[in-house]
N, C-alpha and C. Protein backbone atom coordinates (compact mmCIF):
# COMPACT_ATOMS: atom_id res chain seq x y z
N MET A 1 -7.66 -30.04 -26.15
CA MET A 1 -8.41 -29.71 -24.94
C MET A 1 -8.14 -28.25 -24.58
N ALA A 2 -9.17 -27.55 -24.21
CA ALA A 2 -9.06 -26.13 -23.86
C ALA A 2 -8.40 -25.95 -22.50
N ASP A 3 -7.77 -24.82 -22.32
CA ASP A 3 -7.15 -24.48 -21.03
C ASP A 3 -8.26 -24.26 -20.00
N GLU A 4 -8.21 -24.99 -18.89
CA GLU A 4 -9.25 -24.89 -17.88
C GLU A 4 -8.79 -24.10 -16.66
N THR A 5 -7.81 -23.22 -16.84
CA THR A 5 -7.34 -22.37 -15.75
C THR A 5 -8.43 -21.37 -15.42
N PRO A 6 -8.81 -21.26 -14.15
CA PRO A 6 -9.87 -20.30 -13.80
C PRO A 6 -9.38 -18.87 -13.99
N PRO A 7 -10.29 -17.94 -14.24
CA PRO A 7 -9.88 -16.54 -14.40
C PRO A 7 -9.33 -15.99 -13.07
N PRO A 8 -8.50 -14.97 -13.14
CA PRO A 8 -7.94 -14.40 -11.90
C PRO A 8 -9.02 -13.73 -11.06
N GLU A 9 -8.75 -13.60 -9.77
CA GLU A 9 -9.67 -12.91 -8.87
C GLU A 9 -9.80 -11.44 -9.30
N PRO A 10 -10.96 -10.82 -9.08
CA PRO A 10 -11.09 -9.40 -9.42
C PRO A 10 -10.16 -8.57 -8.54
N GLY A 11 -9.79 -7.43 -9.02
CA GLY A 11 -8.92 -6.53 -8.27
C GLY A 11 -7.94 -5.87 -9.21
N TRP A 12 -7.00 -5.13 -8.63
CA TRP A 12 -6.01 -4.47 -9.45
C TRP A 12 -4.72 -4.31 -8.68
N THR A 13 -3.67 -3.96 -9.38
CA THR A 13 -2.37 -3.72 -8.78
C THR A 13 -1.70 -2.61 -9.57
N ASN A 14 -0.75 -1.93 -8.95
CA ASN A 14 -0.02 -0.90 -9.69
C ASN A 14 1.34 -1.41 -10.14
N VAL A 15 1.52 -2.72 -10.14
CA VAL A 15 2.76 -3.33 -10.61
C VAL A 15 2.56 -3.73 -12.07
N PRO A 16 3.49 -3.34 -12.96
CA PRO A 16 3.33 -3.72 -14.37
C PRO A 16 3.32 -5.23 -14.56
N GLU A 17 2.62 -5.66 -15.58
CA GLU A 17 2.56 -7.07 -15.92
C GLU A 17 3.93 -7.54 -16.41
N ASP A 18 4.33 -8.75 -16.04
CA ASP A 18 5.58 -9.32 -16.52
C ASP A 18 5.33 -9.88 -17.92
N LEU A 19 5.92 -9.24 -18.91
CA LEU A 19 5.74 -9.67 -20.29
C LEU A 19 6.84 -10.60 -20.76
N GLY A 20 7.68 -11.07 -19.81
CA GLY A 20 8.75 -11.98 -20.17
C GLY A 20 9.95 -11.30 -20.79
N ILE A 21 10.01 -9.97 -20.71
CA ILE A 21 11.12 -9.25 -21.33
C ILE A 21 11.93 -8.44 -20.31
N GLY A 22 11.64 -8.62 -19.03
CA GLY A 22 12.38 -7.86 -18.03
C GLY A 22 12.11 -8.41 -16.65
N ALA A 23 12.54 -7.67 -15.66
CA ALA A 23 12.40 -8.09 -14.27
C ALA A 23 11.21 -7.41 -13.62
N LEU A 24 10.05 -7.50 -14.26
CA LEU A 24 8.86 -6.84 -13.74
C LEU A 24 7.85 -7.83 -13.17
N ALA A 25 8.31 -8.95 -12.71
CA ALA A 25 7.41 -9.99 -12.21
C ALA A 25 6.62 -9.49 -11.01
N VAL A 26 5.35 -9.79 -10.99
CA VAL A 26 4.49 -9.45 -9.86
C VAL A 26 4.74 -10.46 -8.75
N PRO A 27 4.98 -10.00 -7.52
CA PRO A 27 5.20 -10.94 -6.42
C PRO A 27 4.00 -11.86 -6.25
N ALA A 28 4.25 -13.07 -5.80
CA ALA A 28 3.17 -14.02 -5.54
C ALA A 28 2.16 -13.39 -4.60
N GLY A 29 0.91 -13.40 -4.96
CA GLY A 29 -0.14 -12.81 -4.13
C GLY A 29 -0.34 -11.33 -4.38
N GLY A 30 0.43 -10.72 -5.28
CA GLY A 30 0.28 -9.30 -5.57
C GLY A 30 0.90 -8.43 -4.50
N ILE A 31 0.49 -7.18 -4.45
CA ILE A 31 1.01 -6.21 -3.48
C ILE A 31 -0.14 -5.72 -2.62
N ASP A 32 0.08 -5.64 -1.31
CA ASP A 32 -0.93 -5.13 -0.38
C ASP A 32 -1.03 -3.62 -0.56
N MET A 33 -2.09 -3.15 -1.17
CA MET A 33 -2.25 -1.74 -1.48
C MET A 33 -2.56 -0.89 -0.25
N ASP A 34 -2.74 -1.51 0.92
CA ASP A 34 -2.98 -0.75 2.14
C ASP A 34 -1.69 -0.30 2.81
N ILE A 35 -0.54 -0.77 2.33
CA ILE A 35 0.74 -0.36 2.90
C ILE A 35 1.04 1.06 2.42
N PRO A 36 1.32 2.01 3.33
CA PRO A 36 1.62 3.38 2.90
C PRO A 36 2.77 3.38 1.89
N GLY A 37 2.66 4.27 0.92
CA GLY A 37 3.67 4.36 -0.12
C GLY A 37 3.17 3.86 -1.45
N TRP A 38 2.07 3.11 -1.47
CA TRP A 38 1.49 2.66 -2.71
C TRP A 38 0.33 3.56 -3.07
N SER A 39 -0.39 3.24 -4.10
CA SER A 39 -1.45 4.11 -4.60
C SER A 39 -2.52 4.43 -3.57
N ASN A 40 -2.88 3.47 -2.75
CA ASN A 40 -3.92 3.68 -1.76
C ASN A 40 -3.27 3.88 -0.39
N ASN A 41 -2.88 5.10 -0.09
CA ASN A 41 -2.23 5.35 1.18
C ASN A 41 -3.23 5.27 2.31
N GLY A 42 -3.63 6.36 2.84
CA GLY A 42 -4.57 6.35 3.94
C GLY A 42 -5.62 7.42 3.73
N PRO A 43 -6.36 7.71 4.78
CA PRO A 43 -7.36 8.78 4.68
C PRO A 43 -6.66 10.13 4.59
N ALA A 44 -7.40 11.14 4.22
CA ALA A 44 -6.84 12.50 4.18
C ALA A 44 -6.53 12.97 5.60
N SER A 45 -5.45 13.71 5.75
CA SER A 45 -5.10 14.27 7.07
C SER A 45 -6.18 15.25 7.51
N THR A 46 -6.46 15.24 8.80
CA THR A 46 -7.42 16.19 9.36
C THR A 46 -6.76 17.10 10.38
N GLY A 47 -5.54 16.77 10.79
CA GLY A 47 -4.86 17.57 11.79
C GLY A 47 -3.36 17.57 11.60
N ALA A 48 -2.71 18.55 12.25
CA ALA A 48 -1.26 18.65 12.22
C ALA A 48 -0.80 19.01 13.63
N THR A 49 0.19 18.27 14.13
CA THR A 49 0.73 18.48 15.47
C THR A 49 2.08 19.18 15.34
N ALA A 50 2.29 20.23 16.13
CA ALA A 50 3.51 21.02 16.09
C ALA A 50 4.73 20.14 16.34
N GLY A 51 5.84 20.48 15.68
CA GLY A 51 7.09 19.76 15.86
C GLY A 51 8.14 20.28 14.91
N ILE A 52 9.30 19.65 14.90
CA ILE A 52 10.41 20.06 14.02
C ILE A 52 10.91 18.82 13.29
N PRO A 53 10.28 18.35 12.23
CA PRO A 53 8.98 18.81 11.74
C PRO A 53 7.84 18.19 12.54
N GLY A 54 6.65 18.73 12.34
CA GLY A 54 5.46 18.22 13.01
C GLY A 54 4.96 16.95 12.36
N ALA A 55 3.84 16.45 12.87
CA ALA A 55 3.26 15.19 12.38
C ALA A 55 1.82 15.41 11.93
N TRP A 56 1.44 14.64 10.93
CA TRP A 56 0.06 14.69 10.43
C TRP A 56 -0.79 13.68 11.20
N THR A 57 -2.05 14.00 11.39
CA THR A 57 -2.99 13.08 12.03
C THR A 57 -4.19 12.89 11.12
N PRO A 58 -4.76 11.68 11.13
CA PRO A 58 -4.30 10.49 11.83
C PRO A 58 -3.01 9.95 11.24
N THR A 59 -2.35 9.05 11.96
CA THR A 59 -1.11 8.43 11.51
C THR A 59 -1.32 7.77 10.15
N ASN A 60 -0.34 7.89 9.27
CA ASN A 60 -0.36 7.33 7.91
C ASN A 60 -1.43 7.95 7.02
N SER A 61 -1.85 9.17 7.34
CA SER A 61 -2.84 9.84 6.49
C SER A 61 -2.13 10.61 5.38
N ASP A 62 -2.89 10.96 4.36
CA ASP A 62 -2.35 11.72 3.23
C ASP A 62 -2.36 13.20 3.56
N ARG A 63 -1.18 13.80 3.60
CA ARG A 63 -1.07 15.23 3.90
C ARG A 63 -1.51 16.06 2.70
N PRO A 64 -1.96 17.30 2.95
CA PRO A 64 -2.34 18.17 1.83
C PRO A 64 -1.14 18.40 0.91
N ASN A 65 -1.39 18.49 -0.38
CA ASN A 65 -0.31 18.72 -1.33
C ASN A 65 0.06 20.19 -1.48
N ARG A 66 -0.87 21.09 -1.18
CA ARG A 66 -0.64 22.52 -1.40
C ARG A 66 -1.05 23.32 -0.18
N PHE A 67 -0.45 24.47 0.00
CA PHE A 67 -0.78 25.35 1.12
C PHE A 67 -2.26 25.75 1.07
N GLN A 68 -2.81 25.92 -0.12
CA GLN A 68 -4.22 26.31 -0.26
C GLN A 68 -5.17 25.31 0.37
N ASP A 69 -4.72 24.06 0.58
CA ASP A 69 -5.57 23.02 1.16
C ASP A 69 -5.50 22.96 2.68
N MET A 70 -4.73 23.83 3.30
CA MET A 70 -4.54 23.79 4.76
C MET A 70 -5.77 24.24 5.54
N ASN A 71 -6.74 24.88 4.89
CA ASN A 71 -7.92 25.37 5.61
C ASN A 71 -8.77 24.26 6.21
N THR A 72 -8.53 23.02 5.83
CA THR A 72 -9.30 21.90 6.39
C THR A 72 -8.55 21.20 7.53
N ILE A 73 -7.36 21.69 7.87
CA ILE A 73 -6.50 21.04 8.86
C ILE A 73 -6.62 21.74 10.22
N THR A 74 -6.82 20.93 11.28
CA THR A 74 -6.88 21.44 12.65
C THR A 74 -5.49 21.38 13.26
N ALA A 75 -5.04 22.51 13.80
CA ALA A 75 -3.71 22.59 14.41
C ALA A 75 -3.74 22.11 15.86
N SER A 76 -2.66 21.46 16.26
CA SER A 76 -2.49 21.04 17.65
C SER A 76 -1.08 21.39 18.08
N PRO A 77 -0.91 22.23 19.09
CA PRO A 77 -1.95 22.88 19.87
C PRO A 77 -2.65 23.97 19.06
N ALA A 78 -3.78 24.45 19.57
CA ALA A 78 -4.55 25.49 18.90
C ALA A 78 -3.94 26.87 19.11
N THR A 79 -3.01 26.98 20.05
CA THR A 79 -2.29 28.24 20.25
C THR A 79 -1.15 28.31 19.24
N ALA A 80 -0.56 29.49 19.09
CA ALA A 80 0.53 29.67 18.12
C ALA A 80 1.67 28.71 18.41
N TRP A 81 2.19 28.10 17.35
CA TRP A 81 3.33 27.21 17.50
C TRP A 81 4.56 28.03 17.87
N THR A 82 5.57 27.36 18.41
CA THR A 82 6.76 28.07 18.88
C THR A 82 7.85 28.10 17.81
N THR A 83 8.87 28.89 18.04
CA THR A 83 9.97 29.09 17.10
C THR A 83 10.54 27.78 16.57
N GLY A 84 10.67 27.70 15.25
CA GLY A 84 11.26 26.55 14.59
C GLY A 84 10.29 25.45 14.23
N GLN A 85 9.06 25.52 14.70
CA GLN A 85 8.09 24.45 14.42
C GLN A 85 7.44 24.64 13.06
N TYR A 86 7.13 23.52 12.41
CA TYR A 86 6.51 23.54 11.09
C TYR A 86 5.99 22.15 10.75
N ILE A 87 5.26 22.07 9.64
CA ILE A 87 4.75 20.83 9.08
C ILE A 87 5.14 20.82 7.60
N VAL A 88 5.45 19.65 7.04
CA VAL A 88 5.85 19.56 5.63
C VAL A 88 4.65 19.08 4.82
N LEU A 89 4.28 19.85 3.80
CA LEU A 89 3.17 19.49 2.93
C LEU A 89 3.63 18.51 1.86
N GLY A 90 2.67 17.95 1.14
CA GLY A 90 2.96 16.96 0.12
C GLY A 90 3.86 17.47 -1.00
N ASP A 91 3.82 18.78 -1.29
CA ASP A 91 4.67 19.33 -2.34
C ASP A 91 6.04 19.73 -1.82
N GLY A 92 6.32 19.45 -0.53
CA GLY A 92 7.62 19.77 0.06
C GLY A 92 7.68 21.13 0.72
N SER A 93 6.65 21.95 0.54
CA SER A 93 6.62 23.26 1.19
C SER A 93 6.34 23.09 2.69
N LYS A 94 6.51 24.14 3.46
CA LYS A 94 6.33 24.08 4.91
C LYS A 94 5.29 25.10 5.34
N ALA A 95 4.64 24.82 6.48
CA ALA A 95 3.65 25.74 7.04
C ALA A 95 3.65 25.60 8.56
N TYR A 96 3.16 26.63 9.24
CA TYR A 96 3.02 26.58 10.70
C TYR A 96 1.74 27.29 11.10
N TRP A 97 1.27 26.97 12.31
CA TRP A 97 0.05 27.57 12.84
C TRP A 97 0.43 28.80 13.64
N GLY A 98 -0.15 29.95 13.27
CA GLY A 98 0.16 31.21 13.94
C GLY A 98 -0.79 31.54 15.07
N GLY A 99 -1.75 30.68 15.36
CA GLY A 99 -2.70 30.92 16.44
C GLY A 99 -4.08 31.27 15.91
N ALA A 100 -4.16 31.84 14.70
CA ALA A 100 -5.44 32.17 14.10
C ALA A 100 -5.54 31.68 12.66
N ALA A 101 -4.40 31.41 12.03
CA ALA A 101 -4.39 30.96 10.65
C ALA A 101 -3.07 30.26 10.34
N TRP A 102 -3.09 29.49 9.24
CA TRP A 102 -1.87 28.83 8.76
C TRP A 102 -1.03 29.87 8.02
N THR A 103 0.28 29.76 8.18
CA THR A 103 1.22 30.65 7.49
C THR A 103 2.27 29.79 6.81
N ALA A 104 2.67 30.18 5.62
CA ALA A 104 3.70 29.44 4.89
C ALA A 104 5.07 29.62 5.55
N GLY A 105 5.86 28.56 5.56
CA GLY A 105 7.22 28.64 6.08
C GLY A 105 7.39 27.97 7.43
N ILE A 106 8.50 28.32 8.11
CA ILE A 106 8.83 27.81 9.43
C ILE A 106 8.62 28.93 10.44
N LYS A 107 8.04 28.60 11.58
CA LYS A 107 7.75 29.62 12.60
C LYS A 107 9.05 30.33 13.00
N PRO A 108 9.13 31.66 12.76
CA PRO A 108 10.33 32.42 13.12
C PRO A 108 10.48 32.59 14.62
C-alpha cells in the first residue's frame, strides 16, 4: 500500500532540514518568520530619532546597511542633533543629523 501522507503545506523556512545526522530538527509548526531577527524582519526604516544611540522608525524596521542609503531617512527632530547623539546603521557605522544633511560618526 502506498504512503497516503498528504504533502506539506506550501511555504518555506530558513531552518535546515533534519537529515537524522544532527540536532537540526525543525520545531513543530516551523518558525514564525515575522519575528525580528529572522529572514523577514520588517519594513525598511523611514526615520531616525535622535538618541544615544537613537532609534529607527517604524519600530522593528530594517535600518539602512550603508551611509549612502541615509538619503531616504527622515531625521527627528529636523533640527541639528545635540552632542553625543547618533544612530547605528546595519553595517555598525554611526551617523547623525546635522540639521541639513546626514553626517558620518557621532555628533561632536
